[in-house]
Amino acid sequence: MKYQSPLNIPKDNISSPYSIITCKAGQSGCKNSLIDTKKTAEEIHRILEKIGLGEYIKSKTNGGKIPYHMKFKAAVAGCPNSCSQPQIKDFGVSGQAMPIAVLNRCTECMECVVICREKGAVDVIDARPVFDYNLCVMCGDCAKACPTETIIIAKKGAKVMANGKLGRHPKLADVIAEFTNKDEAYELLRKLVKERMKK
């Protein structure tokens, strides 16, 4: 199975029952990546093969070409930038990292505020970084930028999304779990696929 970068997607293979796309972190590495996208994509492929999803989809077409809307589409993104577009796939995984502030170290350099692309997600008040987690996308850039390690990453994991699609009736995927570890994410995939195969 070839894992494709969204920057260079080859023509869809008409015989393939599913596609698994990674962001460029899975191809050449990326400084923003919070999870190993290549290994995650390989494990998704292994799980789909073991469950027999490919054979199930092929059985629905009586051996003919598999229409695009019948293919199972998965995407793995290394960070919340989501270059591989997991929000519009049947199953999507995106790396995330939750920043927190450690007291009594902040020098009010404001590097965290400068680096943050989400206006208002982090501010420095009384020599302490303060986060608005409703605005924070959990990229972890503020922690990387902090020269005093006042901001650290409290937890890392994967946001797991399901049931996104484009087409005539587009729908963004539902977030079904956040900050999952690998095993939890893979178990969610198994459940999703098994439910779909009951239909």
Protein backbone atom coordinates (compact mmCIF):
# COMPACT_ATOMS: atom_id res chain seq x y z
CA MET A 1 0.00 0.00 0.00
CA LYS A 2 1.42 3.36 -0.96
CA TYR A 3 0.82 6.23 1.42
CA GLN A 4 0.26 9.39 -0.50
CA SER A 5 1.15 12.94 0.32
CA PRO A 6 -1.74 15.34 -0.33
CA LEU A 7 0.76 17.50 -2.19
CA ASN A 8 1.19 14.85 -4.87
CA ILE A 9 -1.80 12.53 -5.03
CA PRO A 10 -1.64 10.13 -7.97
CA LYS A 11 -4.78 9.19 -9.89
CA ASP A 12 -7.05 7.01 -7.81
CA ASN A 13 -6.52 3.30 -8.28
CA ILE A 14 -9.92 1.99 -9.44
CA SER A 15 -9.29 -1.47 -7.98
CA SER A 16 -8.38 -0.27 -4.49
CA PRO A 17 -11.19 -0.51 -1.91
CA TYR A 18 -9.69 2.19 0.29
CA SER A 19 -7.17 4.98 0.39
CA ILE A 20 -4.94 6.08 3.26
CA ILE A 21 -3.37 9.51 2.94
CA THR A 22 -0.71 11.04 5.15
CA CYS A 23 0.56 14.58 5.37
CA LYS A 24 4.14 15.25 4.32
CA ALA A 25 5.35 14.17 7.76
CA GLY A 26 4.81 10.61 6.56
CA GLN A 27 6.94 11.20 3.48
CA SER A 28 9.81 13.49 4.37
CA GLY A 29 9.26 14.56 7.95
CA CYS A 30 7.79 17.78 9.28
CA LYS A 31 8.82 19.96 12.20
CA ASN A 32 5.18 20.29 13.28
CA SER A 33 4.43 16.58 13.48
CA LEU A 34 3.28 15.31 16.87
CA ILE A 35 2.69 11.67 15.86
CA ASP A 36 4.39 9.19 13.55
CA THR A 37 2.11 9.44 10.53
CA LYS A 38 3.79 6.75 8.44
CA LYS A 39 3.58 4.09 11.16
CA THR A 40 0.00 5.10 11.93
CA ALA A 41 -0.99 4.80 8.26
CA GLU A 42 0.72 1.41 8.01
CA GLU A 43 -1.16 0.17 11.07
CA ILE A 44 -4.47 1.47 9.70
CA HIS A 45 -3.77 -0.47 6.49
CA ARG A 46 -2.92 -3.62 8.47
CA ILE A 47 -6.14 -3.34 10.50
CA LEU A 48 -8.31 -2.83 7.41
CA GLU A 49 -6.71 -5.86 5.77
CA LYS A 50 -7.14 -8.03 8.86
CA ILE A 51 -10.80 -7.08 9.29
CA GLY A 52 -11.45 -7.83 5.62
CA LEU A 53 -12.86 -4.45 4.67
CA GLY A 54 -11.42 -4.64 1.17
CA GLU A 55 -13.15 -7.92 0.40
CA TYR A 56 -16.38 -6.61 1.91
CA ILE A 57 -16.33 -3.52 -0.34
CA LYS A 58 -15.43 -5.59 -3.41
CA SER A 59 -18.34 -7.94 -2.70
CA LYS A 60 -20.73 -4.98 -2.92
CA THR A 61 -19.66 -4.29 -6.51
CA ASN A 62 -19.91 -7.88 -7.81
CA GLY A 63 -16.30 -7.73 -8.97
CA GLY A 64 -16.72 -4.51 -10.92
CA LYS A 65 -15.03 -1.16 -10.53
CA ILE A 66 -15.28 0.33 -7.08
CA PRO A 67 -16.98 3.73 -7.25
CA TYR A 68 -15.19 6.45 -5.31
CA HIS A 69 -18.09 6.95 -2.91
CA MET A 70 -17.86 3.29 -1.84
CA LYS A 71 -14.15 3.43 -1.00
CA PHE A 72 -13.12 3.75 2.62
CA LYS A 73 -11.05 6.90 2.97
CA ALA A 74 -8.63 7.49 5.85
CA ALA A 75 -6.17 10.28 6.53
CA VAL A 76 -3.40 10.78 9.07
CA ALA A 77 -2.16 14.27 9.94
CA GLY A 78 0.86 14.85 12.13
CA CYS A 79 -0.49 18.03 13.69
CA PRO A 80 -3.61 20.24 13.84
CA ASN A 81 -2.67 21.85 10.50
CA SER A 82 -4.28 18.70 9.08
CA CYS A 83 -2.64 18.87 5.66
CA SER A 84 -4.07 15.45 4.75
CA GLN A 85 -7.63 16.65 5.47
CA PRO A 86 -8.76 14.08 8.05
CA GLN A 87 -11.89 16.15 8.71
CA ILE A 88 -13.45 14.98 5.43
CA LYS A 89 -12.57 11.30 5.58
CA ASP A 90 -14.34 8.20 6.85
CA PHE A 91 -11.60 7.93 9.48
CA GLY A 92 -9.10 10.61 10.41
CA VAL A 93 -6.31 10.99 12.92
CA SER A 94 -4.53 14.23 13.80
CA GLY A 95 -1.73 14.75 16.32
CA GLN A 96 -2.34 17.15 19.19
CA ALA A 97 -0.46 18.47 22.23
CA MET A 98 -1.95 20.29 25.22
CA PRO A 99 0.18 23.13 26.63
CA ILE A 100 0.10 24.15 30.28
CA ALA A 101 2.00 26.78 32.24
CA VAL A 102 4.43 25.99 35.04
CA LEU A 103 4.49 28.73 37.67
CA ASN A 104 7.37 31.08 38.58
CA ARG A 105 9.47 30.84 35.43
CA CYS A 106 7.90 33.28 32.97
CA THR A 107 10.01 36.31 32.02
CA GLU A 108 7.16 37.89 30.01
CA CYS A 109 9.15 37.60 26.78
CA MET A 110 5.84 37.07 24.92
CA GLU A 111 7.34 34.48 22.53
CA CYS A 112 4.31 32.25 23.12
CA VAL A 113 1.91 35.02 22.10
CA VAL A 114 4.00 35.93 19.04
CA ILE A 115 4.25 32.33 17.76
CA CYS A 116 0.57 31.50 18.31
CA ARG A 117 -1.50 31.71 15.13
CA GLU A 118 -4.78 31.45 17.05
CA LYS A 119 -5.44 35.00 18.23
CA GLY A 120 -6.29 34.98 21.92
CA ALA A 121 -5.44 31.32 22.57
CA VAL A 122 -2.53 32.30 24.82
CA ASP A 123 -1.73 35.49 26.68
CA VAL A 124 0.67 36.45 29.44
CA ILE A 125 -0.98 37.89 32.54
CA ASP A 126 1.00 38.74 35.69
CA ALA A 127 4.09 36.85 34.49
CA ARG A 128 2.12 33.71 33.71
CA PRO A 129 0.92 32.25 30.39
CA VAL A 130 -2.85 31.81 30.37
CA PHE A 131 -4.61 29.62 27.81
CA ASP A 132 -8.06 29.77 26.29
CA TYR A 133 -8.53 26.12 25.39
CA ASN A 134 -11.64 26.99 23.37
CA LEU A 135 -9.36 28.80 20.92
CA CYS A 136 -6.22 26.66 21.24
CA VAL A 137 -5.83 24.07 18.45
CA MET A 138 -3.32 22.06 20.52
CA CYS A 139 -0.37 22.42 18.15
CA GLY A 140 2.25 22.86 20.89
CA ASP A 141 4.07 25.69 19.12
CA CYS A 142 3.97 27.87 22.23
CA ALA A 143 5.83 25.25 24.25
CA LYS A 144 8.49 24.94 21.54
CA ALA A 145 8.94 28.73 21.51
CA CYS A 146 9.13 29.22 25.28
CA PRO A 147 12.80 29.87 26.20
CA THR A 148 12.30 29.23 29.92
CA GLU A 149 10.17 26.08 29.62
CA THR A 150 7.40 27.84 31.50
CA ILE A 151 5.06 26.26 28.97
CA ILE A 152 5.27 22.50 28.75
CA ILE A 153 3.20 19.86 27.00
CA ALA A 154 0.93 18.22 29.56
CA LYS A 155 -0.29 15.51 27.23
CA LYS A 156 0.12 14.39 23.65
CA GLY A 157 -2.01 12.10 21.58
CA ALA A 158 -4.32 11.90 18.63
CA LYS A 159 -7.63 13.48 17.82
CA VAL A 160 -9.76 10.81 16.15
CA MET A 161 -12.47 11.77 13.67
CA ALA A 162 -15.05 9.71 11.81
CA ASN A 163 -17.73 9.94 9.15
CA GLY A 164 -16.55 13.00 7.24
CA LYS A 165 -17.29 13.28 3.54
CA LEU A 166 -17.48 15.53 0.53
CA GLY A 167 -19.84 15.17 -2.41
CA ARG A 168 -23.45 16.10 -2.79
CA HIS A 169 -24.10 16.29 0.95
CA PRO A 170 -20.74 17.21 2.51
CA LYS A 171 -20.17 16.76 6.22
CA LEU A 172 -17.21 17.42 8.47
CA ALA A 173 -16.15 14.41 10.50
CA ASP A 174 -17.32 14.00 14.07
CA VAL A 175 -14.59 14.19 16.69
CA ILE A 176 -15.01 10.88 18.49
CA ALA A 177 -12.00 11.08 20.82
CA GLU A 178 -9.17 13.40 21.79
CA PHE A 179 -5.68 12.77 23.14
CA THR A 180 -5.95 9.06 22.45
CA ASN A 181 -2.96 6.79 22.47
CA LYS A 182 -2.27 4.55 19.48
CA ASP A 183 -4.10 1.52 20.83
CA GLU A 184 -7.23 3.54 21.63
CA ALA A 185 -7.25 5.10 18.16
CA TYR A 186 -6.87 1.71 16.47
CA GLU A 187 -9.66 0.23 18.57
CA LEU A 188 -11.95 3.08 17.50
CA LEU A 189 -11.08 2.27 13.88
CA ARG A 190 -11.93 -1.40 14.38
CA LYS A 191 -15.30 -0.52 15.91
CA LEU A 192 -16.11 1.95 13.14
CA VAL A 193 -15.28 -0.50 10.36
CA LYS A 194 -17.11 -3.41 11.96
CA GLU A 195 -20.23 -1.27 12.37
CA ARG A 196 -20.01 -0.20 8.74
CA MET A 197 -19.67 -3.80 7.59
CA LYS A 198 -22.95 -4.69 9.34
CA LYS A 199 -24.87 -2.42 6.94
